[in-house]
Structures are given as C-alpha cells and as structure tokens.
Amino acid sequence: MSDYYEAFQAIHKELLESLDFTEEISDAEMLEKIDEFIVLKNKKLHLTLKEKERIRKDLFASVRKLDILQELVDDTTVTEIMVNGTENIFIERAGKIGKWERRFESKEKLSDVVQQIVAGCNRVVNEASPIVDARLTNGSRVNIVLSPIALNGPIITIRRFPDKPITMEKLVEIGSLSKEAALFLQKLVKARYNIFISGGTGSGKTTFLNALSAYIPKDERIITIEDNAELQIQDVPNLVKLETRNANLEGCAAITIRDLIKSSLRMRPDRIIVGEVRGGEAIDMMQAYNSGHDGSMSTGHANGTKDMLSRLETMILMGMDLPLMAIKQQIASGIDIIVHLGRLRDKTRKVLEIAEIDRFEDGKIHLHTLYKFEECEKLEMLQKDKVIGSLEKKGDLLHEEKLKMAGIAL
C-alpha cells in the first residue's frame, strides 16, 4: 500500500475514534477537526501540500459524503458508476466502460455508503427488502441490490444526469435527430399530441423526454409521476412532482405509480408525464390518455415501435384482465406518436424512428412511419467505429386534427 493510503488510514482511524456521533457537527466544524488531525499527524508523516489537500478532501467525503464514490459523483464526465462489491468499481465515460483503480477498504464501509444513500431520500434497504431505487442530491438515479440477492454485493448502480438538462437544440447539434424532426415534434407537443418514447437501456429516453417537455406551454398545469424523481422540467410554474414510496417497517404502506396516476386525475392536470411505465400502471396511464389529458407523455423499454405496442399490451394485462381487442383499441386511441431511440455501435444515441399510430383495423394497430434513421450504404462510407447516417422523412402526418384545433400549421 502506498504512503498516501497508509497516511489516510492512520488519520481516518483516529478521526473516527474522536468523533461523538450523538452530537451535531456542521461541515465547517468537521473540516476544522480534520485539519487539526492532519497537522498533528504531519509531524511524523511529512506530507506534501498536494497530499494534505487530497487527504482533507477524502476524509471529508468518507465521513460526510459517499467516501471514494464522491470523486466520481462530482466528475461531470462520468455518466454511470457500477459498484460490484468492495473490489470492483466500473465507470462509463463517453459511452465506454472501464475499471476504476480505487476500491472500498471494507464491506462495512460500502454498507455505510449504501445506508447513507437510501437515508438521503427516505428509503429503506436491508436483508428483508434487499432491492431499492433511490437518488442522490444532484438528481442521479441509484439502484441498490444487497446480498443474499446479489452474491457479490452490495451492488450499486448510479446513473448520472447532466447538471443542466440537454435541450433539443443540443440534441440536434450532436446529431441525435435532424432539425426538421425537432421542429416537427415541437409543433406536436404544443398541439397536445400524446407522445410515447421507447428505447433500450441507456438510449436516452429520460433525456429526450426532458428536452421535449421544454416545448410545453408555460401556462399549463403539469403533473410528473416517477419511481424516483429524475425529470428536469424547466420553467413551468404550475408543476407538481409526485414520487412513489416503498413500504417500511414503521407500517407506512407502499405508494405505487398506479396510486399516483389515479390521484393525479383529481388534481386538475393539463398534462400527465409518467417517467417510465414497466408494469400494471400502463392501464391507468392509458386511461389518463383517453380521458381528456391530451399532450401527456411517458417512456418505456422496447426494441422498436412495434415491440413497444406489444409490451404495452402485456403491461396492461399485468394490471387488469381485459379482452385483447379492448386493450389494442385503448392504445390506438390513447397514443398518437411513438418516438423510438437507440444506442448505436459507436455508442451514440439517436432517434431511430418517429411513427404515428394510424388506426386500429382487423384486430391490429397500424403504424405509419414519419421519420426513420438510415445508415449510409456506400461501402466507402461504412465504418466500424462510427455510424454515418441521417433521420430521413418517410411520410406526412395523417392525423392533423389536433394541429388544426391548436391553430398550428405544418
């Protein structure tokens, strides 16, 4: 072990032994205490100024923040942090995953960090309830799985979102979609089309939903419903943010997305935005879509626009036993547009398809493709590490009724 880590552990041990955890100590007082210990220990250790600054920062993170993970949480270039027990920590930068050189000193320390995370958002995780979703103060999404479910746990997965929400203009700039498609979607949002965003894990569904929400008129009442508050809807004064709650040992019952959707219908919303549907709440969301809340939006996991329709059918059946034909009719009348996102081989995230639900006929929901991403087929343009292509227009919008009612022309 390096001299730095020996010095850190020596100061860290004495600092913890000196603290009275029954007393409240401010951050400033904690830093003063840390400085005192560094000065005392430095008579034997002879640390450089750079080492003293690093120890000061690491000690504070260890006592007050997320220990070694704080460095990664503060690093804006890191988009994903994956902790596989004490030994293995992986990070994602610019779409590429690599192993981080640092590790937790003990399983107890990792467990302390886990409890600190869940306590910060009023959640509980333990052997009786070993899986939990949480969030950090900076809005990052956290999933935690403990042993015995995770054999090499605890497992922590942190998805870090940009400090400033990515705008549609930025998405156009980086090539995620064309300017024409962005303007088209802007008009659809203003005209109150119901839009569903589909895509795989890490395809950018939440980011895209945030960008789309910027087009919502500022005088409307918006209600967001999420497992963990991740949406960053900006400049909407009449905004209500609802979040689910797990059951706990004190007797508090669980509050599910289904409960929140039902409650939101009594809160006079203009639009309801459900962060993600993944189960029986799809039936409640579809009923909201079909009960006068035009302009609502949501996201879901799927491999394509047709697959998203099939998944919605399955999720609705999980929530209520209905005839399949009735479910298909609900979907066809509730959703107007499906935007499908994907992550390509060069790790870029792009809009792969924008499709309109045309009609329900002969027991099938018919889709009409409006825009589709096409990769360049010229042999000299094909590259293994870079995808060259564009979002091409494939057809005109068939159902313009909402645009006409809003006085918007394509």
Protein backbone atom coordinates (compact mmCIF):
# COMPACT_ATOMS: atom_id res chain seq x y z
CA MET A 1 0.00 0.00 0.00
CA SER A 2 1.28 3.47 -0.90
CA ASP A 3 2.40 6.05 1.68
CA TYR A 4 -0.68 8.12 0.88
CA TYR A 5 -3.11 5.34 1.78
CA GLU A 6 -1.18 4.47 4.94
CA ALA A 7 -1.35 8.14 5.99
CA PHE A 8 -5.05 8.36 5.08
CA GLN A 9 -5.97 5.24 7.06
CA ALA A 10 -3.97 6.36 10.11
CA ILE A 11 -5.68 9.78 10.23
CA HIS A 12 -9.07 8.31 9.34
CA LYS A 13 -8.98 5.80 12.20
CA GLU A 14 -8.05 8.41 14.83
CA LEU A 15 -10.59 10.88 13.47
CA LEU A 16 -13.46 8.37 13.75
CA GLU A 17 -12.40 7.41 17.28
CA SER A 18 -12.51 11.07 18.33
CA LEU A 19 -15.97 11.84 16.93
CA ASP A 20 -19.07 11.88 19.10
CA PHE A 21 -21.84 10.84 16.71
CA THR A 22 -24.54 11.84 19.19
CA GLU A 23 -23.63 15.50 18.62
CA GLU A 24 -24.46 17.52 15.54
CA ILE A 25 -21.34 18.87 13.85
CA SER A 26 -21.51 21.30 10.93
CA ASP A 27 -19.48 20.76 7.77
CA ALA A 28 -17.23 23.70 8.68
CA GLU A 29 -16.56 22.25 12.15
CA MET A 30 -15.82 18.84 10.63
CA LEU A 31 -13.29 20.37 8.25
CA GLU A 32 -11.62 22.18 11.17
CA LYS A 33 -11.36 18.89 13.06
CA ILE A 34 -9.88 17.17 10.00
CA ASP A 35 -7.31 19.97 9.60
CA GLU A 36 -6.25 19.55 13.25
CA PHE A 37 -5.60 15.83 12.77
CA ILE A 38 -3.67 16.42 9.55
CA VAL A 39 -1.42 18.98 11.28
CA LEU A 40 -0.81 16.63 14.23
CA LYS A 41 -0.06 13.60 12.06
CA ASN A 42 2.05 15.53 9.56
CA LYS A 43 4.85 15.88 12.18
CA LYS A 44 5.52 12.16 11.63
CA LEU A 45 4.28 11.67 8.06
CA HIS A 46 5.84 14.72 6.33
CA LEU A 47 3.09 15.03 3.70
CA THR A 48 3.34 17.33 0.70
CA LEU A 49 0.79 20.14 0.28
CA LYS A 50 -0.91 18.17 -2.53
CA GLU A 51 -1.17 15.06 -0.34
CA LYS A 52 -2.60 17.07 2.56
CA GLU A 53 -5.26 18.60 0.29
CA ARG A 54 -6.19 15.18 -1.07
CA ILE A 55 -6.39 13.61 2.40
CA ARG A 56 -8.53 16.51 3.61
CA LYS A 57 -10.95 16.04 0.70
CA ASP A 58 -11.04 12.23 1.04
CA LEU A 59 -11.55 12.33 4.81
CA PHE A 60 -14.48 14.72 4.47
CA ALA A 61 -16.00 12.53 1.73
CA SER A 62 -15.55 9.47 3.91
CA VAL A 63 -17.24 10.99 6.96
CA ARG A 64 -19.87 13.25 5.39
CA LYS A 65 -20.39 12.10 1.81
CA LEU A 66 -20.08 8.92 -0.29
CA ASP A 67 -16.49 8.01 0.55
CA ILE A 68 -14.46 7.14 -2.58
CA LEU A 69 -17.57 7.38 -4.78
CA GLN A 70 -17.84 11.13 -4.14
CA GLU A 71 -14.96 11.78 -6.53
CA LEU A 72 -16.87 10.01 -9.31
CA VAL A 73 -20.20 11.65 -8.44
CA ASP A 74 -18.52 15.08 -8.70
CA ASP A 75 -16.88 14.20 -12.04
CA THR A 76 -19.19 15.52 -14.77
CA THR A 77 -17.55 13.30 -17.42
CA VAL A 78 -18.71 10.12 -15.63
CA THR A 79 -22.20 9.08 -16.75
CA GLU A 80 -22.50 5.71 -14.97
CA ILE A 81 -20.94 4.26 -11.80
CA MET A 82 -21.17 0.49 -11.23
CA VAL A 83 -20.04 -0.87 -7.86
CA ASN A 84 -19.76 -4.68 -7.80
CA GLY A 85 -18.92 -5.30 -4.15
CA THR A 86 -15.85 -3.82 -2.49
CA GLU A 87 -13.28 -4.91 -5.07
CA ASN A 88 -14.64 -3.93 -8.48
CA ILE A 89 -15.84 -0.47 -9.46
CA PHE A 90 -16.55 0.30 -13.13
CA ILE A 91 -17.33 3.67 -14.69
CA GLU A 92 -18.68 4.84 -18.01
CA ARG A 93 -17.16 7.82 -19.79
CA ALA A 94 -18.15 8.90 -23.32
CA GLY A 95 -20.06 5.65 -23.76
CA LYS A 96 -17.08 3.42 -22.85
CA ILE A 97 -16.89 1.30 -19.71
CA GLY A 98 -13.62 0.77 -17.81
CA LYS A 99 -12.49 -0.39 -14.39
CA TRP A 100 -11.62 2.25 -11.79
CA GLU A 101 -8.38 1.83 -9.86
CA ARG A 102 -9.82 2.54 -6.40
CA ARG A 103 -11.79 0.18 -4.13
CA PHE A 104 -13.63 0.22 -0.80
CA GLU A 105 -11.47 -0.60 2.19
CA SER A 106 -14.13 -2.90 3.71
CA LYS A 107 -17.61 -4.29 3.22
CA GLU A 108 -18.70 -2.35 6.29
CA LYS A 109 -17.69 0.95 4.67
CA LEU A 110 -19.58 0.08 1.49
CA SER A 111 -22.64 -0.81 3.60
CA ASP A 112 -22.37 2.57 5.35
CA VAL A 113 -22.42 4.33 1.96
CA VAL A 114 -25.48 2.30 0.93
CA GLN A 115 -27.38 3.32 4.06
CA GLN A 116 -26.33 6.94 3.64
CA ILE A 117 -27.71 6.98 0.08
CA VAL A 118 -31.10 5.49 0.97
CA ALA A 119 -31.47 7.61 4.12
CA GLY A 120 -31.00 10.74 2.00
CA CYS A 121 -34.21 10.04 0.08
CA ASN A 122 -36.21 8.44 2.89
CA ARG A 123 -35.90 4.86 1.60
CA VAL A 124 -35.04 1.61 3.38
CA VAL A 125 -32.86 -1.29 2.19
CA ASN A 126 -31.91 -4.35 4.23
CA GLU A 127 -31.96 -8.15 4.09
CA ALA A 128 -35.75 -8.17 4.37
CA SER A 129 -36.04 -5.69 1.49
CA PRO A 130 -32.77 -6.03 -0.44
CA ILE A 131 -33.65 -4.07 -3.61
CA VAL A 132 -34.28 -0.33 -3.70
CA ASP A 133 -34.30 2.59 -6.13
CA ALA A 134 -33.06 5.90 -4.77
CA ARG A 135 -31.50 9.17 -5.90
CA LEU A 136 -28.64 11.44 -4.90
CA THR A 137 -28.92 15.12 -4.06
CA ASN A 138 -27.65 16.02 -7.54
CA GLY A 139 -30.52 14.08 -9.15
CA SER A 140 -28.53 10.97 -10.08
CA ARG A 141 -30.55 7.76 -10.19
CA VAL A 142 -29.39 4.93 -7.89
CA ASN A 143 -30.26 1.24 -7.86
CA ILE A 144 -29.05 -0.88 -4.93
CA VAL A 145 -29.14 -4.67 -4.56
CA LEU A 146 -27.87 -6.32 -1.37
CA SER A 147 -26.88 -9.87 -0.53
CA PRO A 148 -28.24 -12.54 -0.40
CA ILE A 149 -29.87 -11.47 -3.68
CA ALA A 150 -26.53 -10.19 -5.03
CA LEU A 151 -23.96 -12.89 -4.31
CA ASN A 152 -21.02 -10.48 -4.64
CA GLY A 153 -22.93 -7.48 -3.26
CA PRO A 154 -23.68 -4.87 -2.23
CA ILE A 155 -24.24 -3.74 -5.84
CA ILE A 156 -24.70 -0.01 -6.53
CA THR A 157 -25.53 1.39 -9.97
CA ILE A 158 -25.58 5.19 -10.29
CA ARG A 159 -26.82 6.89 -13.45
CA ARG A 160 -25.59 10.49 -13.51
CA PHE A 161 -27.63 13.02 -15.45
CA PRO A 162 -26.23 16.31 -16.78
CA ASP A 163 -26.29 19.19 -14.28
CA LYS A 164 -28.04 21.25 -16.94
CA PRO A 165 -30.77 19.46 -18.90
CA ILE A 166 -29.84 18.77 -22.53
CA THR A 167 -32.04 20.84 -24.82
CA MET A 168 -33.50 19.79 -28.15
CA GLU A 169 -31.14 22.27 -29.81
CA LYS A 170 -28.19 20.43 -28.24
CA LEU A 171 -29.55 17.07 -29.42
CA VAL A 172 -29.78 18.47 -32.95
CA GLU A 173 -26.24 19.84 -32.65
CA ILE A 174 -24.78 16.46 -31.65
CA GLY A 175 -26.71 14.67 -34.37
CA SER A 176 -29.28 12.77 -32.31
CA LEU A 177 -32.02 13.95 -34.65
CA SER A 178 -32.50 16.39 -37.52
CA LYS A 179 -33.59 19.99 -37.13
CA GLU A 180 -36.64 19.25 -39.28
CA ALA A 181 -37.72 16.41 -36.98
CA ALA A 182 -37.14 18.57 -33.89
CA LEU A 183 -39.36 21.36 -35.26
CA PHE A 184 -41.99 18.76 -36.18
CA LEU A 185 -42.00 17.35 -32.63
CA GLN A 186 -42.15 20.87 -31.19
CA LYS A 187 -45.41 21.50 -33.06
CA LEU A 188 -46.84 18.16 -31.94
CA VAL A 189 -46.09 18.90 -28.26
CA LYS A 190 -47.69 22.35 -28.49
CA ALA A 191 -50.72 20.84 -30.26
CA ARG A 192 -51.10 18.34 -27.37
CA TYR A 193 -50.38 15.07 -29.16
CA ASN A 194 -49.87 12.15 -26.76
CA ILE A 195 -46.26 11.06 -27.24
CA PHE A 196 -44.65 7.83 -26.03
CA ILE A 197 -40.85 7.47 -26.05
CA SER A 198 -39.41 3.97 -26.39
CA GLY A 199 -35.88 2.62 -26.38
CA GLY A 200 -33.42 0.26 -24.76
CA THR A 201 -31.46 0.76 -21.55
CA GLY A 202 -29.18 3.79 -21.79
CA SER A 203 -30.72 5.01 -25.05
CA GLY A 204 -31.52 8.45 -23.58
CA LYS A 205 -35.28 8.21 -23.02
CA THR A 206 -35.34 10.43 -19.91
CA THR A 207 -33.01 12.97 -21.52
CA PHE A 208 -35.22 13.13 -24.60
CA LEU A 209 -38.39 13.47 -22.50
CA ASN A 210 -36.78 16.38 -20.65
CA ALA A 211 -35.91 18.05 -23.95
CA LEU A 212 -39.44 17.55 -25.32
CA SER A 213 -41.01 18.96 -22.15
CA ALA A 214 -39.34 22.33 -22.84
CA TYR A 215 -41.92 22.83 -25.61
CA ILE A 216 -44.89 22.60 -23.20
CA PRO A 217 -46.61 26.00 -22.83
CA LYS A 218 -45.66 27.61 -19.52
CA ASP A 219 -49.25 28.41 -18.50
CA GLU A 220 -50.27 24.75 -18.18
CA ARG A 221 -50.51 22.60 -15.05
CA ILE A 222 -48.14 19.64 -15.33
CA ILE A 223 -48.01 16.60 -13.04
CA THR A 224 -44.98 14.30 -13.21
CA ILE A 225 -45.10 10.78 -11.79
CA GLU A 226 -41.93 8.74 -11.23
CA ASP A 227 -40.41 5.93 -9.20
CA ASN A 228 -37.53 8.30 -8.49
CA ALA A 229 -37.63 11.97 -9.40
CA GLU A 230 -35.33 12.25 -12.42
CA LEU A 231 -37.16 14.57 -14.79
CA GLN A 232 -35.77 18.08 -15.00
CA ILE A 233 -38.70 20.06 -16.37
CA GLN A 234 -37.72 23.71 -16.51
CA ASP A 235 -39.63 27.00 -16.27
CA VAL A 236 -43.10 25.54 -15.62
CA PRO A 237 -44.51 27.42 -12.59
CA ASN A 238 -47.56 25.15 -12.11
CA LEU A 239 -45.58 21.92 -11.75
CA VAL A 240 -46.45 19.07 -9.36
CA LYS A 241 -43.83 16.33 -8.86
CA LEU A 242 -45.02 13.02 -7.44
CA GLU A 243 -42.80 10.13 -6.41
CA THR A 244 -43.58 6.55 -5.30
CA ARG A 245 -42.86 5.28 -1.81
CA ASN A 246 -41.85 1.82 -0.63
CA ALA A 247 -43.49 0.20 2.37
CA ASN A 248 -41.40 0.39 5.54
CA LEU A 249 -41.15 -1.27 8.94
CA GLU A 250 -42.98 1.60 10.64
CA GLY A 251 -46.18 0.49 8.96
CA CYS A 252 -46.26 3.01 6.10
CA ALA A 253 -47.92 1.38 3.10
CA ALA A 254 -46.34 1.46 -0.35
CA ILE A 255 -47.49 4.19 -2.74
CA THR A 256 -47.24 2.91 -6.32
CA ILE A 257 -47.26 4.62 -9.70
CA ARG A 258 -50.81 3.30 -10.12
CA ASP A 259 -51.86 5.09 -6.93
CA LEU A 260 -50.22 8.31 -8.09
CA ILE A 261 -51.82 8.23 -11.55
CA LYS A 262 -55.27 7.73 -10.02
CA SER A 263 -54.66 10.59 -7.57
CA SER A 264 -53.30 12.89 -10.30
CA LEU A 265 -56.58 12.68 -12.22
CA ARG A 266 -58.20 14.56 -9.31
CA MET A 267 -55.54 17.28 -9.31
CA ARG A 268 -56.76 19.12 -12.40
CA PRO A 269 -53.77 18.36 -14.66
CA ASP A 270 -53.44 19.71 -18.19
CA ARG A 271 -50.82 17.06 -18.91
CA ILE A 272 -49.59 13.99 -17.03
CA ILE A 273 -46.00 12.88 -17.55
CA VAL A 274 -45.13 9.39 -16.32
CA GLY A 275 -41.36 8.94 -16.14
CA GLU A 276 -41.47 5.27 -17.13
CA VAL A 277 -44.08 2.52 -17.33
CA ARG A 278 -42.91 -1.01 -16.71
CA GLY A 279 -45.92 -2.87 -15.31
CA GLY A 280 -49.62 -2.78 -14.49
CA GLU A 281 -49.63 1.04 -14.25
CA ALA A 282 -49.84 1.06 -18.06
CA ILE A 283 -53.62 0.57 -17.83
CA ASP A 284 -54.01 3.65 -15.60
CA MET A 285 -51.74 5.70 -17.86
CA MET A 286 -53.77 4.66 -20.91
CA GLN A 287 -57.00 5.63 -19.18
CA ALA A 288 -55.48 9.05 -18.44
CA TYR A 289 -54.53 9.37 -22.13
CA ASN A 290 -58.13 8.55 -23.07
CA SER A 291 -59.85 10.83 -20.58
CA GLY A 292 -59.10 14.32 -21.84
CA HIS A 293 -55.47 14.74 -20.76
CA ASP A 294 -54.07 15.38 -24.23
CA GLY A 295 -50.40 16.23 -24.50
CA SER A 296 -49.35 13.61 -21.95
CA MET A 297 -46.02 11.80 -22.31
CA SER A 298 -44.24 8.74 -20.99
CA THR A 299 -41.37 6.34 -21.72
CA GLY A 300 -40.90 2.58 -21.83
CA HIS A 301 -38.34 -0.09 -22.67
CA ALA A 302 -38.62 -1.75 -26.09
CA ASN A 303 -36.57 -2.74 -29.15
CA GLY A 304 -38.73 -0.85 -31.63
CA THR A 305 -42.06 0.91 -32.18
CA LYS A 306 -43.94 -2.33 -32.93
CA ASP A 307 -42.32 -4.04 -29.94
CA MET A 308 -43.41 -1.12 -27.75
CA LEU A 309 -47.04 -1.72 -28.71
CA SER A 310 -46.71 -5.41 -27.81
CA ARG A 311 -45.07 -4.56 -24.49
CA LEU A 312 -47.84 -2.08 -23.65
CA GLU A 313 -50.42 -4.79 -24.32
CA THR A 314 -48.56 -7.16 -21.97
CA MET A 315 -48.17 -4.49 -19.27
CA ILE A 316 -51.87 -3.60 -19.40
CA LEU A 317 -52.74 -7.28 -18.98
CA MET A 318 -50.50 -7.29 -15.88
CA GLY A 319 -52.68 -4.55 -14.40
CA MET A 320 -56.15 -5.68 -15.49
CA ASP A 321 -57.73 -8.70 -17.14
CA LEU A 322 -59.25 -7.21 -20.29
CA PRO A 323 -60.01 -8.60 -23.75
CA LEU A 324 -57.00 -8.08 -26.02
CA MET A 325 -59.10 -6.25 -28.61
CA ALA A 326 -60.22 -3.73 -25.99
CA ILE A 327 -56.59 -3.19 -24.94
CA LYS A 328 -55.49 -2.61 -28.54
CA GLN A 329 -58.30 -0.10 -29.04
CA GLN A 330 -57.30 1.76 -25.85
CA ILE A 331 -53.69 2.01 -27.07
CA ALA A 332 -54.68 3.06 -30.59
CA SER A 333 -56.96 5.83 -29.34
CA GLY A 334 -54.67 6.94 -26.49
CA ILE A 335 -51.23 7.26 -28.07
CA ASP A 336 -50.69 9.49 -31.10
CA ILE A 337 -46.92 9.30 -31.67
CA ILE A 338 -44.14 6.86 -30.73
CA VAL A 339 -40.54 8.10 -30.78
CA HIS A 340 -38.01 5.27 -30.70
CA LEU A 341 -34.43 5.91 -29.54
CA GLY A 342 -31.41 3.66 -29.84
CA ARG A 343 -27.76 3.38 -28.92
CA LEU A 344 -25.65 2.53 -31.95
CA ARG A 345 -22.37 0.62 -32.21
CA ASP A 346 -20.33 3.82 -31.92
CA LYS A 347 -22.12 4.50 -28.58
CA THR A 348 -24.04 7.49 -29.94
CA ARG A 349 -27.71 7.87 -29.04
CA LYS A 350 -30.07 8.73 -31.87
CA VAL A 351 -33.74 8.93 -32.76
CA LEU A 352 -34.21 5.83 -34.91
CA GLU A 353 -37.89 6.22 -35.77
CA ILE A 354 -40.85 8.53 -35.32
CA ALA A 355 -44.10 6.72 -36.03
CA GLU A 356 -47.75 7.74 -35.92
CA ILE A 357 -50.47 5.37 -34.78
CA ASP A 358 -52.69 5.41 -37.82
CA ARG A 359 -55.68 3.23 -36.95
CA PHE A 360 -56.98 0.05 -35.34
CA GLU A 361 -58.31 -2.27 -38.03
CA ASP A 362 -58.77 -6.04 -38.44
CA GLY A 363 -57.56 -6.65 -34.90
CA LYS A 364 -54.24 -4.84 -35.50
CA ILE A 365 -52.78 -1.44 -34.64
CA HIS A 366 -51.40 0.06 -37.83
CA LEU A 367 -48.30 2.28 -37.59
CA HIS A 368 -47.34 4.94 -40.11
CA THR A 369 -43.61 5.79 -40.17
CA LEU A 370 -42.92 9.53 -40.38
CA TYR A 371 -39.12 9.59 -39.90
CA LYS A 372 -36.57 6.76 -39.89
CA PHE A 373 -32.81 6.72 -39.31
CA GLU A 374 -30.91 5.32 -42.27
CA GLU A 375 -27.23 4.48 -42.23
CA CYS A 376 -25.24 5.33 -45.34
CA GLU A 377 -24.98 2.19 -47.51
CA LYS A 378 -22.00 3.30 -49.58
CA LEU A 379 -19.15 0.88 -48.96
CA GLU A 380 -16.52 3.59 -48.66
CA MET A 381 -18.62 5.40 -46.02
CA LEU A 382 -19.20 2.36 -43.78
CA GLN A 383 -17.04 2.42 -40.65
CA LYS A 384 -16.77 0.01 -37.75
CA ASP A 385 -16.30 2.64 -35.04
CA LYS A 386 -18.53 5.41 -36.42
CA VAL A 387 -22.08 5.35 -37.73
CA ILE A 388 -22.77 7.73 -40.63
CA GLY A 389 -26.42 8.29 -41.42
CA SER A 390 -29.39 10.60 -41.01
CA LEU A 391 -33.01 10.72 -39.91
CA GLU A 392 -34.97 10.69 -43.17
CA LYS A 393 -38.57 11.74 -43.67
CA LYS A 394 -40.71 8.81 -44.81
CA GLY A 395 -44.23 10.17 -44.79
CA ASP A 396 -46.58 13.01 -43.89
CA LEU A 397 -48.67 13.17 -40.73
CA LEU A 398 -52.07 11.58 -41.42
CA HIS A 399 -54.00 12.89 -38.40
CA GLU A 400 -53.77 16.69 -38.24
CA GLU A 401 -56.93 17.31 -36.19
CA LYS A 402 -55.08 18.41 -33.03
CA LEU A 403 -52.79 20.69 -35.05
CA LYS A 404 -55.81 22.37 -36.62
CA MET A 405 -57.54 22.76 -33.24
CA ALA A 406 -54.37 24.41 -31.87
CA GLY A 407 -54.10 26.68 -34.94
CA ILE A 408 -50.68 25.26 -35.86
CA ALA A 409 -49.71 24.56 -39.45
CA LEU A 410 -47.07 22.05 -40.54
